[in-house]
């Protein structure tokens, strides 16, 4: 299962065909909903971002204030992922999104949905 937003870069015949060949199901999330429906947006990316930021701060404290080059980025990002993406965090994201177990009311009652102002009616 692969969850994607509707960004144009994801709409590629060869990409979709490769997924089909490998029996990977593709689910398109409705526009502007990944922050509510995508499990990693809910629980995974925040800890990664915090740990990655910490890794870069440590490098700077050690006197290595050079720009983060690709190799350093990959090492720091990989370490942040390995420390942040525990099974409980991943499963928690799927549960909070209401995907496993299936519970669509989770998204509909999300604090990011409830109480948000609607689109105002068009002015005459």
C-alpha atoms as a PDB file:
ATOM      1  CA  UNK A   1       0.000   0.000   0.000  1.00  0.00           C
ATOM      2  CA  UNK A   2       1.363   3.405  -0.980  1.00  0.00           C
ATOM      3  CA  UNK A   3      -0.403   6.604   0.075  1.00  0.00           C
ATOM      4  CA  UNK A   4       0.203   9.660  -2.102  1.00  0.00           C
ATOM      5  CA  UNK A   5      -1.108  13.157  -2.345  1.00  0.00           C
ATOM      6  CA  UNK A   6      -2.162  14.371  -5.768  1.00  0.00           C
ATOM      7  CA  UNK A   7       1.060  16.205  -6.571  1.00  0.00           C
ATOM      8  CA  UNK A   8       1.767  16.202 -10.299  1.00  0.00           C
ATOM      9  CA  UNK A   9       5.134  14.503  -9.838  1.00  0.00           C
ATOM     10  CA  UNK A  10       3.318  11.340  -8.708  1.00  0.00           C
ATOM     11  CA  UNK A  11       1.258  11.059 -11.875  1.00  0.00           C
ATOM     12  CA  UNK A  12       3.542   9.093 -14.141  1.00  0.00           C
ATOM     13  CA  UNK A  13       2.444   6.102 -16.215  1.00  0.00           C
ATOM     14  CA  UNK A  14       5.750   4.268 -15.710  1.00  0.00           C
ATOM     15  CA  UNK A  15       5.638   4.775 -11.942  1.00  0.00           C
ATOM     16  CA  UNK A  16       2.048   3.537 -11.673  1.00  0.00           C
ATOM     17  CA  UNK A  17       2.869   0.576 -13.948  1.00  0.00           C
ATOM     18  CA  UNK A  18       5.866  -0.371 -11.767  1.00  0.00           C
ATOM     19  CA  UNK A  19       3.630  -0.355  -8.695  1.00  0.00           C
ATOM     20  CA  UNK A  20       1.136  -2.601 -10.476  1.00  0.00           C
ATOM     21  CA  UNK A  21       3.919  -5.002 -11.526  1.00  0.00           C
ATOM     22  CA  UNK A  22       5.002  -5.332  -7.889  1.00  0.00           C
ATOM     23  CA  UNK A  23       1.436  -5.696  -6.597  1.00  0.00           C
ATOM     24  CA  UNK A  24       1.597  -2.408  -4.663  1.00  0.00           C
ATOM     25  CA  UNK A  25      -1.758  -0.747  -4.125  1.00  0.00           C
ATOM     26  CA  UNK A  26      -1.836   2.978  -4.761  1.00  0.00           C
ATOM     27  CA  UNK A  27      -4.201   5.195  -2.773  1.00  0.00           C
ATOM     28  CA  UNK A  28      -4.612   8.838  -3.756  1.00  0.00           C
ATOM     29  CA  UNK A  29      -5.441  11.040  -0.788  1.00  0.00           C
ATOM     30  CA  UNK A  30      -7.942  13.836  -1.387  1.00  0.00           C
ATOM     31  CA  UNK A  31      -6.304  17.233  -2.027  1.00  0.00           C
ATOM     32  CA  UNK A  32      -5.013  19.098   1.038  1.00  0.00           C
ATOM     33  CA  UNK A  33      -5.670  16.217   3.461  1.00  0.00           C
ATOM     34  CA  UNK A  34      -2.295  14.531   3.922  1.00  0.00           C
ATOM     35  CA  UNK A  35      -1.733  16.337   7.237  1.00  0.00           C
ATOM     36  CA  UNK A  36      -4.906  14.618   8.520  1.00  0.00           C
ATOM     37  CA  UNK A  37      -4.836  11.277   6.678  1.00  0.00           C
ATOM     38  CA  UNK A  38      -1.192  10.357   6.065  1.00  0.00           C
ATOM     39  CA  UNK A  39       0.169   8.268   8.978  1.00  0.00           C
ATOM     40  CA  UNK A  40       3.684   9.716   8.771  1.00  0.00           C
ATOM     41  CA  UNK A  41       2.427  13.297   8.705  1.00  0.00           C
ATOM     42  CA  UNK A  42       0.541  12.537  11.909  1.00  0.00           C
ATOM     43  CA  UNK A  43       3.209  10.758  13.944  1.00  0.00           C
ATOM     44  CA  UNK A  44       6.396  10.010  12.032  1.00  0.00           C
ATOM     45  CA  UNK A  45       7.806  13.159  10.485  1.00  0.00           C
ATOM     46  CA  UNK A  46       7.740  15.314  13.630  1.00  0.00           C
ATOM     47  CA  UNK A  47      10.123  13.092  15.658  1.00  0.00           C
ATOM     48  CA  UNK A  48      12.387  12.700  12.626  1.00  0.00           C
ATOM     49  CA  UNK A  49      12.533  16.471  12.167  1.00  0.00           C
ATOM     50  CA  UNK A  50      13.377  17.002  15.848  1.00  0.00           C
ATOM     51  CA  UNK A  51      16.103  14.353  15.885  1.00  0.00           C
ATOM     52  CA  UNK A  52      17.574  15.544  12.576  1.00  0.00           C
ATOM     53  CA  UNK A  53      17.675  19.096  13.917  1.00  0.00           C
ATOM     54  CA  UNK A  54      19.477  17.776  16.994  1.00  0.00           C
ATOM     55  CA  UNK A  55      22.017  15.947  14.817  1.00  0.00           C
ATOM     56  CA  UNK A  56      22.796  19.134  12.886  1.00  0.00           C
ATOM     57  CA  UNK A  57      23.024  21.165  16.110  1.00  0.00           C
ATOM     58  CA  UNK A  58      25.541  18.649  17.484  1.00  0.00           C
ATOM     59  CA  UNK A  59      27.645  18.976  14.331  1.00  0.00           C
ATOM     60  CA  UNK A  60      27.650  22.759  14.740  1.00  0.00           C
ATOM     61  CA  UNK A  61      28.665  22.467  18.429  1.00  0.00           C
ATOM     62  CA  UNK A  62      31.613  20.300  17.465  1.00  0.00           C
ATOM     63  CA  UNK A  63      32.907  23.166  15.353  1.00  0.00           C
ATOM     64  CA  UNK A  64      31.738  21.696  12.081  1.00  0.00           C
ATOM     65  CA  UNK A  65      29.698  24.687  10.952  1.00  0.00           C
ATOM     66  CA  UNK A  66      30.161  23.877   7.280  1.00  0.00           C
ATOM     67  CA  UNK A  67      27.104  23.631   5.110  1.00  0.00           C
ATOM     68  CA  UNK A  68      25.386  20.281   5.457  1.00  0.00           C
ATOM     69  CA  UNK A  69      26.578  18.416   2.398  1.00  0.00           C
ATOM     70  CA  UNK A  70      24.663  15.513   0.850  1.00  0.00           C
ATOM     71  CA  UNK A  71      26.716  12.848   2.613  1.00  0.00           C
ATOM     72  CA  UNK A  72      26.275  14.490   6.024  1.00  0.00           C
ATOM     73  CA  UNK A  73      22.573  14.999   5.346  1.00  0.00           C
ATOM     74  CA  UNK A  74      22.096  11.317   4.479  1.00  0.00           C
ATOM     75  CA  UNK A  75      23.960  10.145   7.579  1.00  0.00           C
ATOM     76  CA  UNK A  76      22.149  12.542   9.937  1.00  0.00           C
ATOM     77  CA  UNK A  77      18.748  11.889   8.363  1.00  0.00           C
ATOM     78  CA  UNK A  78      19.249   8.110   8.463  1.00  0.00           C
ATOM     79  CA  UNK A  79      20.212   8.234  12.149  1.00  0.00           C
ATOM     80  CA  UNK A  80      17.157  10.389  12.899  1.00  0.00           C
ATOM     81  CA  UNK A  81      14.900   7.919  11.073  1.00  0.00           C
ATOM     82  CA  UNK A  82      16.380   4.884  12.804  1.00  0.00           C
ATOM     83  CA  UNK A  83      15.852   6.468  16.240  1.00  0.00           C
ATOM     84  CA  UNK A  84      12.408   7.929  15.499  1.00  0.00           C
ATOM     85  CA  UNK A  85      10.506   5.336  13.509  1.00  0.00           C
ATOM     86  CA  UNK A  86       9.793   2.738  16.157  1.00  0.00           C
ATOM     87  CA  UNK A  87       6.983   0.287  15.438  1.00  0.00           C
ATOM     88  CA  UNK A  88       4.735   1.936  18.037  1.00  0.00           C
ATOM     89  CA  UNK A  89       5.161   5.349  16.356  1.00  0.00           C
ATOM     90  CA  UNK A  90       4.322   3.956  12.914  1.00  0.00           C
ATOM     91  CA  UNK A  91       1.316   1.979  14.195  1.00  0.00           C
ATOM     92  CA  UNK A  92       0.154   5.013  16.170  1.00  0.00           C
ATOM     93  CA  UNK A  93       0.089   7.120  13.010  1.00  0.00           C
ATOM     94  CA  UNK A  94      -2.087   4.582  11.199  1.00  0.00           C
ATOM     95  CA  UNK A  95      -4.438   4.440  14.186  1.00  0.00           C
ATOM     96  CA  UNK A  96      -4.639   8.245  14.561  1.00  0.00           C
ATOM     97  CA  UNK A  97      -5.417   8.593  10.850  1.00  0.00           C
ATOM     98  CA  UNK A  98      -8.270   6.123  11.308  1.00  0.00           C
ATOM     99  CA  UNK A  99      -6.805   3.752   8.723  1.00  0.00           C
ATOM    100  CA  UNK A 100      -6.051   0.709  10.955  1.00  0.00           C
ATOM    101  CA  UNK A 101      -8.414  -0.184  12.415  1.00  0.00           C
ATOM    102  CA  UNK A 102     -10.720   1.503   9.902  1.00  0.00           C
ATOM    103  CA  UNK A 103     -12.355   4.482  11.632  1.00  0.00           C
ATOM    104  CA  UNK A 104     -13.226   7.361   9.248  1.00  0.00           C
ATOM    105  CA  UNK A 105     -14.630   9.415  12.122  1.00  0.00           C
ATOM    106  CA  UNK A 106     -11.028   9.947  13.327  1.00  0.00           C
ATOM    107  CA  UNK A 107     -10.319  12.231  10.364  1.00  0.00           C
ATOM    108  CA  UNK A 108     -13.711  13.908  10.517  1.00  0.00           C
ATOM    109  CA  UNK A 109     -13.342  14.731  14.218  1.00  0.00           C
ATOM    110  CA  UNK A 110      -9.693  15.791  13.992  1.00  0.00           C
ATOM    111  CA  UNK A 111      -8.927  19.073  15.759  1.00  0.00           C
ATOM    112  CA  UNK A 112      -7.545  20.269  12.428  1.00  0.00           C
ATOM    113  CA  UNK A 113     -10.972  19.792  10.839  1.00  0.00           C
ATOM    114  CA  UNK A 114     -13.470  20.544  13.606  1.00  0.00           C
ATOM    115  CA  UNK A 115     -13.855  24.225  14.374  1.00  0.00           C
ATOM    116  CA  UNK A 116     -11.983  25.387  11.307  1.00  0.00           C
ATOM    117  CA  UNK A 117     -13.694  28.223   9.469  1.00  0.00           C
ATOM    118  CA  UNK A 118     -15.370  27.210   6.239  1.00  0.00           C
ATOM    119  CA  UNK A 119     -14.922  28.884   2.906  1.00  0.00           C
ATOM    120  CA  UNK A 120     -16.891  32.130   2.914  1.00  0.00           C
ATOM    121  CA  UNK A 121     -19.679  32.434   0.364  1.00  0.00           C
ATOM    122  CA  UNK A 122     -18.850  34.388  -2.805  1.00  0.00           C
ATOM    123  CA  UNK A 123     -19.607  38.079  -2.679  1.00  0.00           C
ATOM    124  CA  UNK A 124     -22.291  39.329  -5.100  1.00  0.00           C
END
